[in-house]
Amino acid sequence: FAVFSPFFPKFFPGNRLAPSVYLLPPPSEELSSSKPTLSLTCLVRGFFPETIDVQWQKD
């Protein structure tokens, strides 16, 4: 978690909290399916300020 702005304290007073990030597996129905796609869910919580940008990258 990073903020690159000298104005951060003016707009977001308070303590910064890093997010907790959880990657949830696909539903079991999808795992047993013959479809070539799966759903992944990313849960991000417990952070401040409440603005966040989440990006997925293929490795």
PDB file of N, CA and C in Angstrom:
ATOM      1  N   PHE A   1       0.860  -1.165   0.000  1.00  0.00           N
ATOM      2  CA  PHE A   1       0.000   0.000   0.000  1.00  0.00           C
ATOM      3  C   PHE A   1       0.897   1.215   0.000  1.00  0.00           C
ATOM      4  N   ALA A   2       0.707   2.090  -0.966  1.00  0.00           N
ATOM      5  CA  ALA A   2       1.579   3.257  -1.051  1.00  0.00           C
ATOM      6  C   ALA A   2       0.780   4.474  -1.499  1.00  0.00           C
ATOM      7  N   VAL A   3       1.100   5.592  -0.942  1.00  0.00           N
ATOM      8  CA  VAL A   3       0.496   6.860  -1.345  1.00  0.00           C
ATOM      9  C   VAL A   3       1.633   7.800  -1.694  1.00  0.00           C
ATOM     10  N   PHE A   4       1.596   8.343  -2.899  1.00  0.00           N
ATOM     11  CA  PHE A   4       2.679   9.200  -3.370  1.00  0.00           C
ATOM     12  C   PHE A   4       2.183  10.629  -3.555  1.00  0.00           C
ATOM     13  N   SER A   5       1.755  11.249  -2.470  1.00  0.00           N
ATOM     14  CA  SER A   5       1.267  12.616  -2.567  1.00  0.00           C
ATOM     15  C   SER A   5       1.638  13.386  -1.307  1.00  0.00           C
ATOM     16  N   PRO A   6       2.222  14.572  -1.472  1.00  0.00           N
ATOM     17  CA  PRO A   6       2.530  15.388  -0.300  1.00  0.00           C
ATOM     18  C   PRO A   6       1.262  15.945   0.346  1.00  0.00           C
ATOM     19  N   PHE A   7       0.123  15.857  -0.349  1.00  0.00           N
ATOM     20  CA  PHE A   7      -1.131  16.392   0.162  1.00  0.00           C
ATOM     21  C   PHE A   7      -1.947  15.353   0.920  1.00  0.00           C
ATOM     22  N   PHE A   8      -1.442  14.135   1.039  1.00  0.00           N
ATOM     23  CA  PHE A   8      -2.181  13.042   1.674  1.00  0.00           C
ATOM     24  C   PHE A   8      -2.742  13.420   3.043  1.00  0.00           C
ATOM     25  N   PRO A   9      -1.955  13.957   3.973  1.00  0.00           N
ATOM     26  CA  PRO A   9      -2.501  14.267   5.306  1.00  0.00           C
ATOM     27  C   PRO A   9      -3.617  15.308   5.292  1.00  0.00           C
ATOM     28  N   LYS A  10      -3.618  16.213   4.319  1.00  0.00           N
ATOM     29  CA  LYS A  10      -4.653  17.247   4.261  1.00  0.00           C
ATOM     30  C   LYS A  10      -6.005  16.667   3.862  1.00  0.00           C
ATOM     31  N   PHE A  11      -5.996  15.696   2.941  1.00  0.00           N
ATOM     32  CA  PHE A  11      -7.238  15.139   2.425  1.00  0.00           C
ATOM     33  C   PHE A  11      -7.718  13.928   3.215  1.00  0.00           C
ATOM     34  N   PHE A  12      -6.806  13.203   3.848  1.00  0.00           N
ATOM     35  CA  PHE A  12      -7.150  11.987   4.571  1.00  0.00           C
ATOM     36  C   PHE A  12      -6.547  12.018   5.971  1.00  0.00           C
ATOM     37  N   PRO A  13      -7.095  12.857   6.853  1.00  0.00           N
ATOM     38  CA  PRO A  13      -6.546  12.892   8.210  1.00  0.00           C
ATOM     39  C   PRO A  13      -6.827  11.569   8.921  1.00  0.00           C
ATOM     40  N   GLY A  14      -5.930  11.170   9.784  1.00  0.00           N
ATOM     41  CA  GLY A  14      -6.101   9.921  10.521  1.00  0.00           C
ATOM     42  C   GLY A  14      -4.974   8.957  10.219  1.00  0.00           C
ATOM     43  N   ASN A  15      -5.037   7.818  10.850  1.00  0.00           N
ATOM     44  CA  ASN A  15      -3.993   6.810  10.663  1.00  0.00           C
ATOM     45  C   ASN A  15      -4.258   5.984   9.416  1.00  0.00           C
ATOM     46  N   ARG A  16      -3.217   5.771   8.622  1.00  0.00           N
ATOM     47  CA  ARG A  16      -3.334   4.909   7.453  1.00  0.00           C
ATOM     48  C   ARG A  16      -3.291   3.462   7.912  1.00  0.00           C
ATOM     49  N   LEU A  17      -4.127   2.635   7.315  1.00  0.00           N
ATOM     50  CA  LEU A  17      -4.140   1.212   7.608  1.00  0.00           C
ATOM     51  C   LEU A  17      -3.937   0.438   6.319  1.00  0.00           C
ATOM     52  N   ALA A  18      -2.978  -0.472   6.309  1.00  0.00           N
ATOM     53  CA  ALA A  18      -2.745  -1.312   5.133  1.00  0.00           C
ATOM     54  C   ALA A  18      -3.896  -2.306   4.998  1.00  0.00           C
ATOM     55  N   PRO A  19      -4.251  -2.661   3.767  1.00  0.00           N
ATOM     56  CA  PRO A  19      -5.370  -3.587   3.577  1.00  0.00           C
ATOM     57  C   PRO A  19      -4.996  -5.029   3.896  1.00  0.00           C
ATOM     58  N   SER A  20      -6.005  -5.796   4.246  1.00  0.00           N
ATOM     59  CA  SER A  20      -5.887  -7.251   4.292  1.00  0.00           C
ATOM     60  C   SER A  20      -6.455  -7.743   2.973  1.00  0.00           C
ATOM     61  N   VAL A  21      -5.737  -8.635   2.289  1.00  0.00           N
ATOM     62  CA  VAL A  21      -6.144  -9.105   0.968  1.00  0.00           C
ATOM     63  C   VAL A  21      -6.323 -10.614   1.016  1.00  0.00           C
ATOM     64  N   TYR A  22      -7.463 -11.070   0.512  1.00  0.00           N
ATOM     65  CA  TYR A  22      -7.785 -12.494   0.499  1.00  0.00           C
ATOM     66  C   TYR A  22      -8.181 -12.893  -0.916  1.00  0.00           C
ATOM     67  N   LEU A  23      -7.589 -13.947  -1.428  1.00  0.00           N
ATOM     68  CA  LEU A  23      -7.961 -14.494  -2.727  1.00  0.00           C
ATOM     69  C   LEU A  23      -8.806 -15.729  -2.463  1.00  0.00           C
ATOM     70  N   LEU A  24     -10.060 -15.679  -2.903  1.00  0.00           N
ATOM     71  CA  LEU A  24     -10.997 -16.768  -2.658  1.00  0.00           C
ATOM     72  C   LEU A  24     -11.036 -17.699  -3.866  1.00  0.00           C
ATOM     73  N   PRO A  25     -11.085 -19.003  -3.645  1.00  0.00           N
ATOM     74  CA  PRO A  25     -11.067 -19.964  -4.750  1.00  0.00           C
ATOM     75  C   PRO A  25     -12.392 -19.973  -5.512  1.00  0.00           C
ATOM     76  N   PRO A  26     -12.370 -20.553  -6.704  1.00  0.00           N
ATOM     77  CA  PRO A  26     -13.610 -20.674  -7.477  1.00  0.00           C
ATOM     78  C   PRO A  26     -14.605 -21.579  -6.752  1.00  0.00           C
ATOM     79  N   PRO A  27     -15.886 -21.384  -7.014  1.00  0.00           N
ATOM     80  CA  PRO A  27     -16.888 -22.286  -6.442  1.00  0.00           C
ATOM     81  C   PRO A  27     -16.658 -23.721  -6.922  1.00  0.00           C
ATOM     82  N   SER A  28     -17.012 -24.688  -6.102  1.00  0.00           N
ATOM     83  CA  SER A  28     -16.781 -26.097  -6.449  1.00  0.00           C
ATOM     84  C   SER A  28     -17.497 -26.495  -7.734  1.00  0.00           C
ATOM     85  N   GLU A  29     -18.662 -25.876  -8.020  1.00  0.00           N
ATOM     86  CA  GLU A  29     -19.369 -26.192  -9.269  1.00  0.00           C
ATOM     87  C   GLU A  29     -18.509 -25.852 -10.484  1.00  0.00           C
ATOM     88  N   GLU A  30     -17.770 -24.757 -10.403  1.00  0.00           N
ATOM     89  CA  GLU A  30     -16.914 -24.363 -11.519  1.00  0.00           C
ATOM     90  C   GLU A  30     -15.722 -25.302 -11.654  1.00  0.00           C
ATOM     91  N   LEU A  31     -15.207 -25.779 -10.545  1.00  0.00           N
ATOM     92  CA  LEU A  31     -14.054 -26.680 -10.598  1.00  0.00           C
ATOM     93  C   LEU A  31     -14.412 -28.013 -11.245  1.00  0.00           C
ATOM     94  N   SER A  32     -15.643 -28.448 -11.080  1.00  0.00           N
ATOM     95  CA  SER A  32     -16.059 -29.726 -11.658  1.00  0.00           C
ATOM     96  C   SER A  32     -16.658 -29.567 -13.053  1.00  0.00           C
ATOM     97  N   SER A  33     -16.743 -28.346 -13.539  1.00  0.00           N
ATOM     98  CA  SER A  33     -17.310 -28.071 -14.859  1.00  0.00           C
ATOM     99  C   SER A  33     -16.249 -28.247 -15.943  1.00  0.00           C
ATOM    100  N   SER A  34     -16.720 -28.477 -17.159  1.00  0.00           N
ATOM    101  CA  SER A  34     -15.790 -28.602 -18.291  1.00  0.00           C
ATOM    102  C   SER A  34     -15.528 -27.259 -18.971  1.00  0.00           C
ATOM    103  N   LYS A  35     -16.108 -26.181 -18.450  1.00  0.00           N
ATOM    104  CA  LYS A  35     -15.884 -24.852 -19.034  1.00  0.00           C
ATOM    105  C   LYS A  35     -14.420 -24.447 -18.851  1.00  0.00           C
ATOM    106  N   PRO A  36     -13.870 -23.705 -19.814  1.00  0.00           N
ATOM    107  CA  PRO A  36     -12.445 -23.322 -19.734  1.00  0.00           C
ATOM    108  C   PRO A  36     -12.170 -22.091 -18.864  1.00  0.00           C
ATOM    109  N   THR A  37     -13.184 -21.588 -18.161  1.00  0.00           N
ATOM    110  CA  THR A  37     -12.980 -20.397 -17.333  1.00  0.00           C
ATOM    111  C   THR A  37     -13.378 -20.676 -15.886  1.00  0.00           C
ATOM    112  N   LEU A  38     -12.800 -19.897 -14.977  1.00  0.00           N
ATOM    113  CA  LEU A  38     -13.111 -19.973 -13.553  1.00  0.00           C
ATOM    114  C   LEU A  38     -13.268 -18.565 -13.005  1.00  0.00           C
ATOM    115  N   SER A  39     -13.976 -18.441 -11.906  1.00  0.00           N
ATOM    116  CA  SER A  39     -14.130 -17.158 -11.222  1.00  0.00           C
ATOM    117  C   SER A  39     -13.174 -17.095 -10.042  1.00  0.00           C
ATOM    118  N   LEU A  40     -12.479 -15.979  -9.912  1.00  0.00           N
ATOM    119  CA  LEU A  40     -11.656 -15.718  -8.736  1.00  0.00           C
ATOM    120  C   LEU A  40     -12.206 -14.469  -8.071  1.00  0.00           C
ATOM    121  N   THR A  41     -12.228 -14.479  -6.765  1.00  0.00           N
ATOM    122  CA  THR A  41     -12.717 -13.329  -6.014  1.00  0.00           C
ATOM    123  C   THR A  41     -11.601 -12.808  -5.125  1.00  0.00           C
ATOM    124  N   CYS A  42     -11.381 -11.509  -5.184  1.00  0.00           N
ATOM    125  CA  CYS A  42     -10.379 -10.867  -4.350  1.00  0.00           C
ATOM    126  C   CYS A  42     -11.113  -9.984  -3.343  1.00  0.00           C
ATOM    127  N   LEU A  43     -10.930 -10.270  -2.058  1.00  0.00           N
ATOM    128  CA  LEU A  43     -11.547  -9.491  -0.992  1.00  0.00           C
ATOM    129  C   LEU A  43     -10.471  -8.618  -0.359  1.00  0.00           C
ATOM    130  N   VAL A  44     -10.694  -7.316  -0.366  1.00  0.00           N
ATOM    131  CA  VAL A  44      -9.756  -6.352   0.215  1.00  0.00           C
ATOM    132  C   VAL A  44     -10.522  -5.588   1.287  1.00  0.00           C
ATOM    133  N   ARG A  45     -10.007  -5.622   2.519  1.00  0.00           N
ATOM    134  CA  ARG A  45     -10.747  -4.978   3.604  1.00  0.00           C
ATOM    135  C   ARG A  45      -9.823  -4.445   4.684  1.00  0.00           C
ATOM    136  N   GLY A  46     -10.390  -3.613   5.546  1.00  0.00           N
ATOM    137  CA  GLY A  46      -9.678  -3.124   6.718  1.00  0.00           C
ATOM    138  C   GLY A  46      -8.634  -2.065   6.434  1.00  0.00           C
ATOM    139  N   PHE A  47      -8.846  -1.233   5.420  1.00  0.00           N
ATOM    140  CA  PHE A  47      -7.841  -0.237   5.054  1.00  0.00           C
ATOM    141  C   PHE A  47      -8.394   1.176   5.208  1.00  0.00           C
ATOM    142  N   PHE A  48      -7.481   2.118   5.332  1.00  0.00           N
ATOM    143  CA  PHE A  48      -7.831   3.536   5.375  1.00  0.00           C
ATOM    144  C   PHE A  48      -6.699   4.324   4.744  1.00  0.00           C
ATOM    145  N   PRO A  49      -6.977   5.275   3.895  1.00  0.00           N
ATOM    146  CA  PRO A  49      -8.286   5.792   3.531  1.00  0.00           C
ATOM    147  C   PRO A  49      -9.058   4.778   2.688  1.00  0.00           C
ATOM    148  N   GLU A  50     -10.344   5.051   2.506  1.00  0.00           N
ATOM    149  CA  GLU A  50     -11.210   4.068   1.874  1.00  0.00           C
ATOM    150  C   GLU A  50     -11.099   4.009   0.355  1.00  0.00           C
ATOM    151  N   THR A  51     -10.255   4.795  -0.262  1.00  0.00           N
ATOM    152  CA  THR A  51     -10.038   4.734  -1.702  1.00  0.00           C
ATOM    153  C   THR A  51      -8.932   3.730  -1.993  1.00  0.00           C
ATOM    154  N   ILE A  52      -9.181   2.822  -2.950  1.00  0.00           N
ATOM    155  CA  ILE A  52      -8.182   1.803  -3.269  1.00  0.00           C
ATOM    156  C   ILE A  52      -8.285   1.444  -4.746  1.00  0.00           C
ATOM    157  N   ASP A  53      -7.190   1.037  -5.325  1.00  0.00           N
ATOM    158  CA  ASP A  53      -7.123   0.601  -6.715  1.00  0.00           C
ATOM    159  C   ASP A  53      -6.580  -0.824  -6.709  1.00  0.00           C
ATOM    160  N   VAL A  54      -7.348  -1.762  -7.248  1.00  0.00           N
ATOM    161  CA  VAL A  54      -6.940  -3.169  -7.292  1.00  0.00           C
ATOM    162  C   VAL A  54      -6.720  -3.549  -8.745  1.00  0.00           C
ATOM    163  N   GLN A  55      -5.602  -4.201  -9.021  1.00  0.00           N
ATOM    164  CA  GLN A  55      -5.284  -4.638 -10.381  1.00  0.00           C
ATOM    165  C   GLN A  55      -4.937  -6.118 -10.371  1.00  0.00           C
ATOM    166  N   TRP A  56      -5.348  -6.819 -11.425  1.00  0.00           N
ATOM    167  CA  TRP A  56      -5.001  -8.228 -11.605  1.00  0.00           C
ATOM    168  C   TRP A  56      -3.884  -8.299 -12.637  1.00  0.00           C
ATOM    169  N   GLN A  57      -2.931  -9.181 -12.391  1.00  0.00           N
ATOM    170  CA  GLN A  57      -1.850  -9.401 -13.351  1.00  0.00           C
ATOM    171  C   GLN A  57      -1.710 -10.891 -13.598  1.00  0.00           C
ATOM    172  N   LYS A  58      -1.492 -11.248 -14.841  1.00  0.00           N
ATOM    173  CA  LYS A  58      -1.280 -12.646 -15.197  1.00  0.00           C
ATOM    174  C   LYS A  58       0.205 -12.937 -15.099  1.00  0.00           C
ATOM    175  N   ASP A  59       0.547 -13.997 -14.389  1.00  0.00           N
ATOM    176  CA  ASP A  59       1.950 -14.366 -14.197  1.00  0.00           C
ATOM    177  C   ASP A  59       2.314 -15.511 -15.124  1.00  0.00           C
TER     178      ASP A  59
END
